[in-house]
PDB file of N, CA and C in Angstrom:
ATOM      1  N   MET A   1      78.462 117.239  90.726  1.00  0.00           N
ATOM      2  CA  MET A   1      79.220 116.874  91.902  1.00  0.00           C
ATOM      3  C   MET A   1      80.662 117.301  91.686  1.00  0.00           C
ATOM      4  N   ASN A   2      81.288 117.808  92.715  1.00  0.00           N
ATOM      5  CA  ASN A   2      82.613 118.388  92.590  1.00  0.00           C
ATOM      6  C   ASN A   2      83.623 117.578  93.390  1.00  0.00           C
ATOM      7  N   SER A   3      83.836 116.310  93.016  1.00  0.00           N
ATOM      8  CA  SER A   3      84.788 115.479  93.744  1.00  0.00           C
ATOM      9  C   SER A   3      86.039 115.277  92.907  1.00  0.00           C
ATOM     10  N   VAL A   4      87.146 115.111  93.599  1.00  0.00           N
ATOM     11  CA  VAL A   4      88.425 114.909  92.933  1.00  0.00           C
ATOM     12  C   VAL A   4      88.753 113.430  92.972  1.00  0.00           C
ATOM     13  N   SER A   5      89.024 112.831  91.813  1.00  0.00           N
ATOM     14  CA  SER A   5      89.391 111.426  91.768  1.00  0.00           C
ATOM     15  C   SER A   5      90.256 111.165  90.552  1.00  0.00           C
ATOM     16  N   ASP A   6      90.926 110.017  90.543  1.00  0.00           N
ATOM     17  CA  ASP A   6      91.723 109.632  89.391  1.00  0.00           C
ATOM     18  C   ASP A   6      90.797 109.332  88.221  1.00  0.00           C
ATOM     19  N   PRO A   7      91.183 109.705  86.993  1.00  0.00           N
ATOM     20  CA  PRO A   7      90.316 109.443  85.855  1.00  0.00           C
ATOM     21  C   PRO A   7      90.063 107.958  85.633  1.00  0.00           C
ATOM     22  N   GLY A   8      91.023 107.096  85.971  1.00  0.00           N
ATOM     23  CA  GLY A   8      90.856 105.665  85.761  1.00  0.00           C
ATOM     24  C   GLY A   8      90.150 104.959  86.892  1.00  0.00           C
ATOM     25  N   GLN A   9      89.877 105.642  87.982  1.00  0.00           N
ATOM     26  CA  GLN A   9      89.256 105.033  89.150  1.00  0.00           C
ATOM     27  C   GLN A   9      87.808 105.495  89.270  1.00  0.00           C
ATOM     28  N   PRO A  10      86.900 104.597  89.609  1.00  0.00           N
ATOM     29  CA  PRO A  10      85.532 105.025  89.874  1.00  0.00           C
ATOM     30  C   PRO A  10      85.502 105.871  91.143  1.00  0.00           C
ATOM     31  N   PRO A  11      84.535 106.782  91.285  1.00  0.00           N
ATOM     32  CA  PRO A  11      84.487 107.675  92.450  1.00  0.00           C
ATOM     33  C   PRO A  11      84.458 106.926  93.773  1.00  0.00           C
ATOM     34  N   GLY A  12      83.799 105.804  93.845  1.00  0.00           N
ATOM     35  CA  GLY A  12      83.714 105.046  95.093  1.00  0.00           C
ATOM     36  C   GLY A  12      84.635 103.855  95.072  1.00  0.00           C
ATOM     37  N   GLY A  13      85.871 104.004  94.595  1.00  0.00           N
ATOM     38  CA  GLY A  13      86.823 102.900  94.472  1.00  0.00           C
ATOM     39  C   GLY A  13      87.090 102.204  95.784  1.00  0.00           C
ATOM     40  N   LYS A  14      87.830 101.105  95.685  1.00  0.00           N
ATOM     41  CA  LYS A  14      88.090 100.329  96.901  1.00  0.00           C
ATOM     42  C   LYS A  14      89.038 101.078  97.830  1.00  0.00           C
ATOM     43  N   PRO A  15      88.900 100.839  99.131  1.00  0.00           N
ATOM     44  CA  PRO A  15      89.751 101.535 100.110  1.00  0.00           C
ATOM     45  C   PRO A  15      91.192 101.042 100.011  1.00  0.00           C
ATOM     46  N   PRO A  16      92.126 101.786 100.581  1.00  0.00           N
ATOM     47  CA  PRO A  16      93.529 101.379 100.556  1.00  0.00           C
ATOM     48  C   PRO A  16      93.714 100.018 101.237  1.00  0.00           C
ATOM     49  N   SER A  17      94.676  99.244 100.731  1.00  0.00           N
ATOM     50  CA  SER A  17      94.976  97.944 101.330  1.00  0.00           C
ATOM     51  C   SER A  17      95.614  98.142 102.706  1.00  0.00           C
ATOM     52  N   LEU A  18      95.785  97.051 103.425  1.00  0.00           N
ATOM     53  CA  LEU A  18      96.402  97.125 104.746  1.00  0.00           C
ATOM     54  C   LEU A  18      97.822  97.690 104.634  1.00  0.00           C
ATOM     55  N   TRP A  19      98.582  97.215 103.642  1.00  0.00           N
ATOM     56  CA  TRP A  19      99.948  97.705 103.470  1.00  0.00           C
ATOM     57  C   TRP A  19      99.953  99.196 103.139  1.00  0.00           C
ATOM     58  N   GLN A  20      99.025  99.655 102.294  1.00  0.00           N
ATOM     59  CA  GLN A  20      98.941 101.077 101.959  1.00  0.00           C
ATOM     60  C   GLN A  20      98.577 101.897 103.195  1.00  0.00           C
ATOM     61  N   THR A  21      97.705 101.371 104.034  1.00  0.00           N
ATOM     62  CA  THR A  21      97.317 102.065 105.260  1.00  0.00           C
ATOM     63  C   THR A  21      98.504 102.167 106.211  1.00  0.00           C
ATOM     64  N   ILE A  22      99.237 101.064 106.384  1.00  0.00           N
ATOM     65  CA  ILE A  22     100.420 101.078 107.249  1.00  0.00           C
ATOM     66  C   ILE A  22     101.450 102.060 106.704  1.00  0.00           C
ATOM     67  N   SER A  23     101.657 102.034 105.396  1.00  0.00           N
ATOM     68  CA  SER A  23     102.612 102.943 104.759  1.00  0.00           C
ATOM     69  C   SER A  23     102.205 104.404 104.957  1.00  0.00           C
ATOM     70  N   SER A  24     100.920 104.702 104.819  1.00  0.00           N
ATOM     71  CA  SER A  24     100.439 106.069 104.998  1.00  0.00           C
ATOM     72  C   SER A  24     100.607 106.546 106.430  1.00  0.00           C
ATOM     73  N   VAL A  25     100.317 105.671 107.392  1.00  0.00           N
ATOM     74  CA  VAL A  25     100.471 106.051 108.800  1.00  0.00           C
ATOM     75  C   VAL A  25     101.943 106.249 109.138  1.00  0.00           C
ATOM     76  N   ALA A  26     102.807 105.356 108.631  1.00  0.00           N
ATOM     77  CA  ALA A  26     104.245 105.502 108.876  1.00  0.00           C
ATOM     78  C   ALA A  26     104.763 106.811 108.271  1.00  0.00           C
ATOM     79  N   ALA A  27     104.312 107.140 107.064  1.00  0.00           N
ATOM     80  CA  ALA A  27     104.729 108.391 106.429  1.00  0.00           C
ATOM     81  C   ALA A  27     104.234 109.594 107.235  1.00  0.00           C
ATOM     82  N   SER A  28     103.049 109.487 107.783  1.00  0.00           N
ATOM     83  CA  SER A  28     102.527 110.607 108.573  1.00  0.00           C
ATOM     84  C   SER A  28     103.282 110.769 109.891  1.00  0.00           C
ATOM     85  N   PHE A  29     103.837 109.688 110.435  1.00  0.00           N
ATOM     86  CA  PHE A  29     104.663 109.787 111.640  1.00  0.00           C
ATOM     87  C   PHE A  29     105.863 110.690 111.385  1.00  0.00           C
ATOM     88  N   PHE A  30     106.400 110.631 110.161  1.00  0.00           N
ATOM     89  CA  PHE A  30     107.581 111.413 109.812  1.00  0.00           C
ATOM     90  C   PHE A  30     107.243 112.685 109.050  1.00  0.00           C
ATOM     91  N   GLY A  31     105.975 112.865 108.683  1.00  0.00           N
ATOM     92  CA  GLY A  31     105.551 114.072 107.982  1.00  0.00           C
ATOM     93  C   GLY A  31     105.955 114.111 106.525  1.00  0.00           C
ATOM     94  N   VAL A  32     106.047 112.965 105.876  1.00  0.00           N
ATOM     95  CA  VAL A  32     106.493 112.924 104.486  1.00  0.00           C
ATOM     96  C   VAL A  32     105.450 112.314 103.551  1.00  0.00           C
ATOM     97  N   GLN A  33     104.197 112.406 103.893  1.00  0.00           N
ATOM     98  CA  GLN A  33     103.119 111.843 103.076  1.00  0.00           C
ATOM     99  C   GLN A  33     103.010 112.598 101.752  1.00  0.00           C
ATOM    100  N   SER A  34     102.941 111.872 100.634  1.00  0.00           N
ATOM    101  CA  SER A  34     102.783 112.528  99.337  1.00  0.00           C
ATOM    102  C   SER A  34     101.339 113.011  99.183  1.00  0.00           C
ATOM    103  N   SER A  35     101.166 114.042  98.393  1.00  0.00           N
ATOM    104  CA  SER A  35      99.820 114.594  98.225  1.00  0.00           C
ATOM    105  C   SER A  35      98.901 113.593  97.523  1.00  0.00           C
ATOM    106  N   LYS A  36      99.450 112.770  96.633  1.00  0.00           N
ATOM    107  CA  LYS A  36      98.635 111.769  95.941  1.00  0.00           C
ATOM    108  C   LYS A  36      98.099 110.738  96.928  1.00  0.00           C
ATOM    109  N   ASN A  37      98.987 110.247  97.814  1.00  0.00           N
ATOM    110  CA  ASN A  37      98.546 109.260  98.801  1.00  0.00           C
ATOM    111  C   ASN A  37      97.609 109.874  99.832  1.00  0.00           C
ATOM    112  N   ARG A  38      97.883 111.107 100.236  1.00  0.00           N
ATOM    113  CA  ARG A  38      97.001 111.778 101.198  1.00  0.00           C
ATOM    114  C   ARG A  38      95.606 111.936 100.609  1.00  0.00           C
ATOM    115  N   GLU A  39      95.527 112.310  99.344  1.00  0.00           N
ATOM    116  CA  GLU A  39      94.222 112.466  98.701  1.00  0.00           C
ATOM    117  C   GLU A  39      93.508 111.127  98.611  1.00  0.00           C
ATOM    118  N   ARG A  40      94.246 110.060  98.287  1.00  0.00           N
ATOM    119  CA  ARG A  40      93.648 108.724  98.235  1.00  0.00           C
ATOM    120  C   ARG A  40      93.101 108.338  99.599  1.00  0.00           C
ATOM    121  N   ASP A  41      93.888 108.618 100.650  1.00  0.00           N
ATOM    122  CA  ASP A  41      93.467 108.251 101.999  1.00  0.00           C
ATOM    123  C   ASP A  41      92.196 108.989 102.414  1.00  0.00           C
ATOM    124  N   PHE A  42      92.134 110.277 102.108  1.00  0.00           N
ATOM    125  CA  PHE A  42      90.976 111.072 102.524  1.00  0.00           C
ATOM    126  C   PHE A  42      89.732 110.794 101.684  1.00  0.00           C
ATOM    127  N   THR A  43      89.906 110.373 100.434  1.00  0.00           N
ATOM    128  CA  THR A  43      88.731 110.139  99.599  1.00  0.00           C
ATOM    129  C   THR A  43      88.232 108.702  99.668  1.00  0.00           C
ATOM    130  N   LYS A  44      89.143 107.731  99.840  1.00  0.00           N
ATOM    131  CA  LYS A  44      88.729 106.330  99.786  1.00  0.00           C
ATOM    132  C   LYS A  44      88.962 105.572 101.086  1.00  0.00           C
ATOM    133  N   GLY A  45      89.751 106.143 101.980  1.00  0.00           N
ATOM    134  CA  GLY A  45      90.085 105.436 103.211  1.00  0.00           C
ATOM    135  C   GLY A  45      89.007 105.550 104.278  1.00  0.00           C
ATOM    136  N   LYS A  46      89.027 104.605 105.196  1.00  0.00           N
ATOM    137  CA  LYS A  46      88.091 104.631 106.324  1.00  0.00           C
ATOM    138  C   LYS A  46      88.859 105.097 107.560  1.00  0.00           C
ATOM    139  N   PRO A  47      88.351 106.114 108.244  1.00  0.00           N
ATOM    140  CA  PRO A  47      89.071 106.670 109.397  1.00  0.00           C
ATOM    141  C   PRO A  47      89.410 105.625 110.461  1.00  0.00           C
ATOM    142  N   LEU A  48      88.521 104.697 110.708  1.00  0.00           N
ATOM    143  CA  LEU A  48      88.756 103.689 111.741  1.00  0.00           C
ATOM    144  C   LEU A  48      89.994 102.856 111.433  1.00  0.00           C
ATOM    145  N   HIS A  49      90.229 102.561 110.163  1.00  0.00           N
ATOM    146  CA  HIS A  49      91.412 101.788 109.780  1.00  0.00           C
ATOM    147  C   HIS A  49      92.694 102.553 110.133  1.00  0.00           C
ATOM    148  N   PHE A  50      92.708 103.847 109.819  1.00  0.00           N
ATOM    149  CA  PHE A  50      93.896 104.661 110.094  1.00  0.00           C
ATOM    150  C   PHE A  50      94.100 104.858 111.599  1.00  0.00           C
ATOM    151  N   ILE A  51      93.008 105.008 112.337  1.00  0.00           N
ATOM    152  CA  ILE A  51      93.103 105.162 113.788  1.00  0.00           C
ATOM    153  C   ILE A  51      93.653 103.881 114.412  1.00  0.00           C
ATOM    154  N   ALA A  52      93.135 102.727 113.986  1.00  0.00           N
ATOM    155  CA  ALA A  52      93.589 101.451 114.545  1.00  0.00           C
ATOM    156  C   ALA A  52      95.064 101.210 114.237  1.00  0.00           C
ATOM    157  N   VAL A  53      95.469 101.444 112.992  1.00  0.00           N
ATOM    158  CA  VAL A  53      96.877 101.247 112.629  1.00  0.00           C
ATOM    159  C   VAL A  53      97.755 102.251 113.374  1.00  0.00           C
ATOM    160  N   GLY A  54      97.308 103.489 113.497  1.00  0.00           N
ATOM    161  CA  GLY A  54      98.070 104.503 114.209  1.00  0.00           C
ATOM    162  C   GLY A  54      98.258 104.152 115.670  1.00  0.00           C
ATOM    163  N   LEU A  55      97.200 103.678 116.320  1.00  0.00           N
ATOM    164  CA  LEU A  55      97.320 103.265 117.724  1.00  0.00           C
ATOM    165  C   LEU A  55      98.268 102.081 117.868  1.00  0.00           C
ATOM    166  N   GLY A  56      98.150 101.122 116.952  1.00  0.00           N
ATOM    167  CA  GLY A  56      99.032  99.958 116.988  1.00  0.00           C
ATOM    168  C   GLY A  56     100.488 100.351 116.802  1.00  0.00           C
ATOM    169  N   MET A  57     100.754 101.233 115.851  1.00  0.00           N
ATOM    170  CA  MET A  57     102.129 101.661 115.606  1.00  0.00           C
ATOM    171  C   MET A  57     102.660 102.499 116.771  1.00  0.00           C
ATOM    172  N   THR A  58     101.801 103.281 117.398  1.00  0.00           N
ATOM    173  CA  THR A  58     102.220 104.064 118.563  1.00  0.00           C
ATOM    174  C   THR A  58     102.583 103.146 119.727  1.00  0.00           C
ATOM    175  N   LEU A  59     101.755 102.135 119.968  1.00  0.00           N
ATOM    176  CA  LEU A  59     102.057 101.177 121.033  1.00  0.00           C
ATOM    177  C   LEU A  59     103.343 100.413 120.735  1.00  0.00           C
ATOM    178  N   ALA A  60     103.556 100.053 119.475  1.00  0.00           N
ATOM    179  CA  ALA A  60     104.795  99.364 119.098  1.00  0.00           C
ATOM    180  C   ALA A  60     106.005 100.273 119.333  1.00  0.00           C
ATOM    181  N   PHE A  61     105.888 101.547 118.992  1.00  0.00           N
ATOM    182  CA  PHE A  61     106.975 102.500 119.209  1.00  0.00           C
ATOM    183  C   PHE A  61     107.285 102.639 120.698  1.00  0.00           C
ATOM    184  N   ILE A  62     106.236 102.753 121.504  1.00  0.00           N
ATOM    185  CA  ILE A  62     106.432 102.857 122.950  1.00  0.00           C
ATOM    186  C   ILE A  62     107.112 101.598 123.481  1.00  0.00           C
ATOM    187  N   GLY A  63     106.700 100.437 122.981  1.00  0.00           N
ATOM    188  CA  GLY A  63     107.319  99.179 123.403  1.00  0.00           C
ATOM    189  C   GLY A  63     108.792  99.110 123.043  1.00  0.00           C
ATOM    190  N   VAL A  64     109.154  99.560 121.856  1.00  0.00           N
ATOM    191  CA  VAL A  64     110.554  99.550 121.429  1.00  0.00           C
ATOM    192  C   VAL A  64     111.378 100.494 122.301  1.00  0.00           C
ATOM    193  N   VAL A  65     110.846 101.678 122.582  1.00  0.00           N
ATOM    194  CA  VAL A  65     111.566 102.628 123.446  1.00  0.00           C
ATOM    195  C   VAL A  65     111.717 102.052 124.852  1.00  0.00           C
ATOM    196  N   TRP A  66     110.688 101.434 125.374  1.00  0.00           N
ATOM    197  CA  TRP A  66     110.725 100.837 126.708  1.00  0.00           C
ATOM    198  C   TRP A  66     111.798  99.752 126.789  1.00  0.00           C
ATOM    199  N   ILE A  67     111.839  98.885 125.761  1.00  0.00           N
ATOM    200  CA  ILE A  67     112.847  97.822 125.734  1.00  0.00           C
ATOM    201  C   ILE A  67     114.249  98.419 125.633  1.00  0.00           C
ATOM    202  N   ALA A  68     114.419  99.442 124.804  1.00  0.00           N
ATOM    203  CA  ALA A  68     115.734 100.077 124.655  1.00  0.00           C
ATOM    204  C   ALA A  68     116.199 100.694 125.967  1.00  0.00           C
ATOM    205  N   VAL A  69     115.297 101.329 126.691  1.00  0.00           N
ATOM    206  CA  VAL A  69     115.660 101.931 127.981  1.00  0.00           C
ATOM    207  C   VAL A  69     116.032 100.848 128.989  1.00  0.00           C
ATOM    208  N   ARG A  70     115.263  99.768 129.024  1.00  0.00           N
ATOM    209  CA  ARG A  70     115.576  98.673 129.958  1.00  0.00           C
ATOM    210  C   ARG A  70     116.928  98.067 129.659  1.00  0.00           C
ATOM    211  N   LEU A  71     117.239  97.870 128.366  1.00  0.00           N
ATOM    212  CA  LEU A  71     118.530  97.304 127.990  1.00  0.00           C
ATOM    213  C   LEU A  71     119.667  98.280 128.360  1.00  0.00           C
ATOM    214  N   ALA A  72     119.448  99.578 128.130  1.00  0.00           N
ATOM    215  CA  ALA A  72     120.471 100.560 128.473  1.00  0.00           C
ATOM    216  C   ALA A  72     120.718 100.600 129.975  1.00  0.00           C
ATOM    217  N   LEU A  73     119.644 100.555 130.758  1.00  0.00           N
ATOM    218  CA  LEU A  73     119.802 100.558 132.213  1.00  0.00           C
ATOM    219  C   LEU A  73     120.479  99.300 132.704  1.00  0.00           C
ATOM    220  N   ARG A  74     120.146  98.168 132.087  1.00  0.00           N
ATOM    221  CA  ARG A  74     120.766  96.909 132.493  1.00  0.00           C
ATOM    222  C   ARG A  74     122.262  96.915 132.178  1.00  0.00           C
ATOM    223  N   SER A  75     122.623  97.444 131.000  1.00  0.00           N
ATOM    224  CA  SER A  75     124.049  97.462 130.637  1.00  0.00           C
ATOM    225  C   SER A  75     124.820  98.486 131.479  1.00  0.00           C
ATOM    226  N   ALA A  76     124.123  99.488 132.029  1.00  0.00           N
ATOM    227  CA  ALA A  76     124.766 100.476 132.894  1.00  0.00           C
ATOM    228  C   ALA A  76     124.851  99.979 134.338  1.00  0.00           C
ATOM    229  N   GLY A  77     124.232  98.829 134.605  1.00  0.00           N
ATOM    230  CA  GLY A  77     124.286  98.256 135.950  1.00  0.00           C
ATOM    231  C   GLY A  77     123.274  98.859 136.902  1.00  0.00           C
ATOM    232  N   LEU A  78     122.230  99.466 136.399  1.00  0.00           N
ATOM    233  CA  LEU A  78     121.215 100.074 137.271  1.00  0.00           C
ATOM    234  C   LEU A  78     120.009  99.193 137.413  1.00  0.00           C
TER     235      LEU A  78
END
């Protein structure tokens, strides 16, 4: 079998924690994911976890932008 894994980790190690998943998605938003973390995510992570966190973070970002625009319009008197 030709799989890449850490020597100290079993091939089917546990998936990334919630914090690691959030950190990986946040890093991918900015394009600064390290190759070590990317490899961990692709070998041990579950796609559904990353999709759910990504959607949640996208909705949170949209909400923050929406609130910022409303506050700016209110302070401009519009």
